[in-house]
């Protein structure tokens, strides 16, 4: 039985997108989800939100999308 690696699958699909997402962002979000996957409340939304906001902010910090 060949067990697939979900992160490698996400990165492979991302490479096929017309406008790919930053691989580091995918890896960071995946790590957060993996860390919380067995938590009863699975409260990873705020952590992921911070990572996403940091990745899309303009370097001057004036505007967040």
C-alpha atoms as a PDB file:
ATOM      1  CA  UNK A   1       0.000   0.000   0.000  1.00  0.00           C
ATOM      2  CA  UNK A   2       1.440   3.346  -1.075  1.00  0.00           C
ATOM      3  CA  UNK A   3       0.556   6.111   1.368  1.00  0.00           C
ATOM      4  CA  UNK A   4       0.474   9.548  -0.271  1.00  0.00           C
ATOM      5  CA  UNK A   5       1.930  12.659   1.302  1.00  0.00           C
ATOM      6  CA  UNK A   6      -0.807  15.335   1.390  1.00  0.00           C
ATOM      7  CA  UNK A   7       1.667  18.223   1.354  1.00  0.00           C
ATOM      8  CA  UNK A   8       3.440  16.942  -1.738  1.00  0.00           C
ATOM      9  CA  UNK A   9       0.067  16.525  -3.461  1.00  0.00           C
ATOM     10  CA  UNK A  10      -0.923  20.107  -2.579  1.00  0.00           C
ATOM     11  CA  UNK A  11       2.388  21.415  -3.915  1.00  0.00           C
ATOM     12  CA  UNK A  12       2.054  19.358  -7.097  1.00  0.00           C
ATOM     13  CA  UNK A  13      -1.464  20.683  -7.750  1.00  0.00           C
ATOM     14  CA  UNK A  14      -0.279  24.205  -6.969  1.00  0.00           C
ATOM     15  CA  UNK A  15       2.435  23.892  -9.628  1.00  0.00           C
ATOM     16  CA  UNK A  16      -0.293  23.186 -12.188  1.00  0.00           C
ATOM     17  CA  UNK A  17      -2.320  26.309 -11.380  1.00  0.00           C
ATOM     18  CA  UNK A  18      -2.368  29.197 -13.807  1.00  0.00           C
ATOM     19  CA  UNK A  19      -1.447  31.550 -10.948  1.00  0.00           C
ATOM     20  CA  UNK A  20       0.279  29.417  -8.314  1.00  0.00           C
ATOM     21  CA  UNK A  21       0.184  30.180  -4.616  1.00  0.00           C
ATOM     22  CA  UNK A  22       3.477  30.729  -2.808  1.00  0.00           C
ATOM     23  CA  UNK A  23       4.744  27.271  -1.798  1.00  0.00           C
ATOM     24  CA  UNK A  24       5.952  28.601   1.563  1.00  0.00           C
ATOM     25  CA  UNK A  25       2.407  29.760   2.352  1.00  0.00           C
ATOM     26  CA  UNK A  26       1.049  26.304   1.536  1.00  0.00           C
ATOM     27  CA  UNK A  27       3.701  24.656   3.698  1.00  0.00           C
ATOM     28  CA  UNK A  28       3.035  26.992   6.632  1.00  0.00           C
ATOM     29  CA  UNK A  29      -0.750  26.525   6.476  1.00  0.00           C
ATOM     30  CA  UNK A  30      -0.339  22.766   6.134  1.00  0.00           C
ATOM     31  CA  UNK A  31       1.937  22.690   9.197  1.00  0.00           C
ATOM     32  CA  UNK A  32      -0.655  24.606  11.227  1.00  0.00           C
ATOM     33  CA  UNK A  33      -3.445  22.263  10.151  1.00  0.00           C
ATOM     34  CA  UNK A  34      -1.299  19.222  10.874  1.00  0.00           C
ATOM     35  CA  UNK A  35      -0.433  20.570  14.333  1.00  0.00           C
ATOM     36  CA  UNK A  36      -4.127  20.986  15.180  1.00  0.00           C
ATOM     37  CA  UNK A  37      -5.584  17.967  13.376  1.00  0.00           C
ATOM     38  CA  UNK A  38      -6.180  15.999  16.572  1.00  0.00           C
ATOM     39  CA  UNK A  39      -7.272  18.955  18.703  1.00  0.00           C
ATOM     40  CA  UNK A  40     -10.878  18.642  19.722  1.00  0.00           C
ATOM     41  CA  UNK A  41     -11.650  22.257  18.813  1.00  0.00           C
ATOM     42  CA  UNK A  42      -9.234  22.505  15.839  1.00  0.00           C
ATOM     43  CA  UNK A  43      -8.865  26.220  16.364  1.00  0.00           C
ATOM     44  CA  UNK A  44      -6.289  26.911  13.671  1.00  0.00           C
ATOM     45  CA  UNK A  45      -8.200  29.662  11.869  1.00  0.00           C
ATOM     46  CA  UNK A  46      -6.520  32.566  13.668  1.00  0.00           C
ATOM     47  CA  UNK A  47      -3.033  31.143  13.099  1.00  0.00           C
ATOM     48  CA  UNK A  48      -3.719  30.592   9.407  1.00  0.00           C
ATOM     49  CA  UNK A  49      -5.256  34.059   9.104  1.00  0.00           C
ATOM     50  CA  UNK A  50      -2.059  35.622  10.520  1.00  0.00           C
ATOM     51  CA  UNK A  51       0.133  33.659   8.095  1.00  0.00           C
ATOM     52  CA  UNK A  52      -2.034  34.581   5.105  1.00  0.00           C
ATOM     53  CA  UNK A  53      -2.239  38.248   6.074  1.00  0.00           C
ATOM     54  CA  UNK A  54       1.524  38.406   6.541  1.00  0.00           C
ATOM     55  CA  UNK A  55       2.101  36.844   3.135  1.00  0.00           C
ATOM     56  CA  UNK A  56      -0.149  39.270   1.262  1.00  0.00           C
ATOM     57  CA  UNK A  57       0.742  42.490   3.025  1.00  0.00           C
ATOM     58  CA  UNK A  58       2.591  45.144   1.094  1.00  0.00           C
ATOM     59  CA  UNK A  59       6.153  45.529   2.479  1.00  0.00           C
ATOM     60  CA  UNK A  60       5.460  49.082   3.662  1.00  0.00           C
ATOM     61  CA  UNK A  61       2.638  47.679   5.807  1.00  0.00           C
ATOM     62  CA  UNK A  62       0.157  50.258   4.558  1.00  0.00           C
ATOM     63  CA  UNK A  63      -2.374  47.965   2.938  1.00  0.00           C
ATOM     64  CA  UNK A  64      -3.714  44.501   3.583  1.00  0.00           C
ATOM     65  CA  UNK A  65      -5.791  42.748   0.985  1.00  0.00           C
END
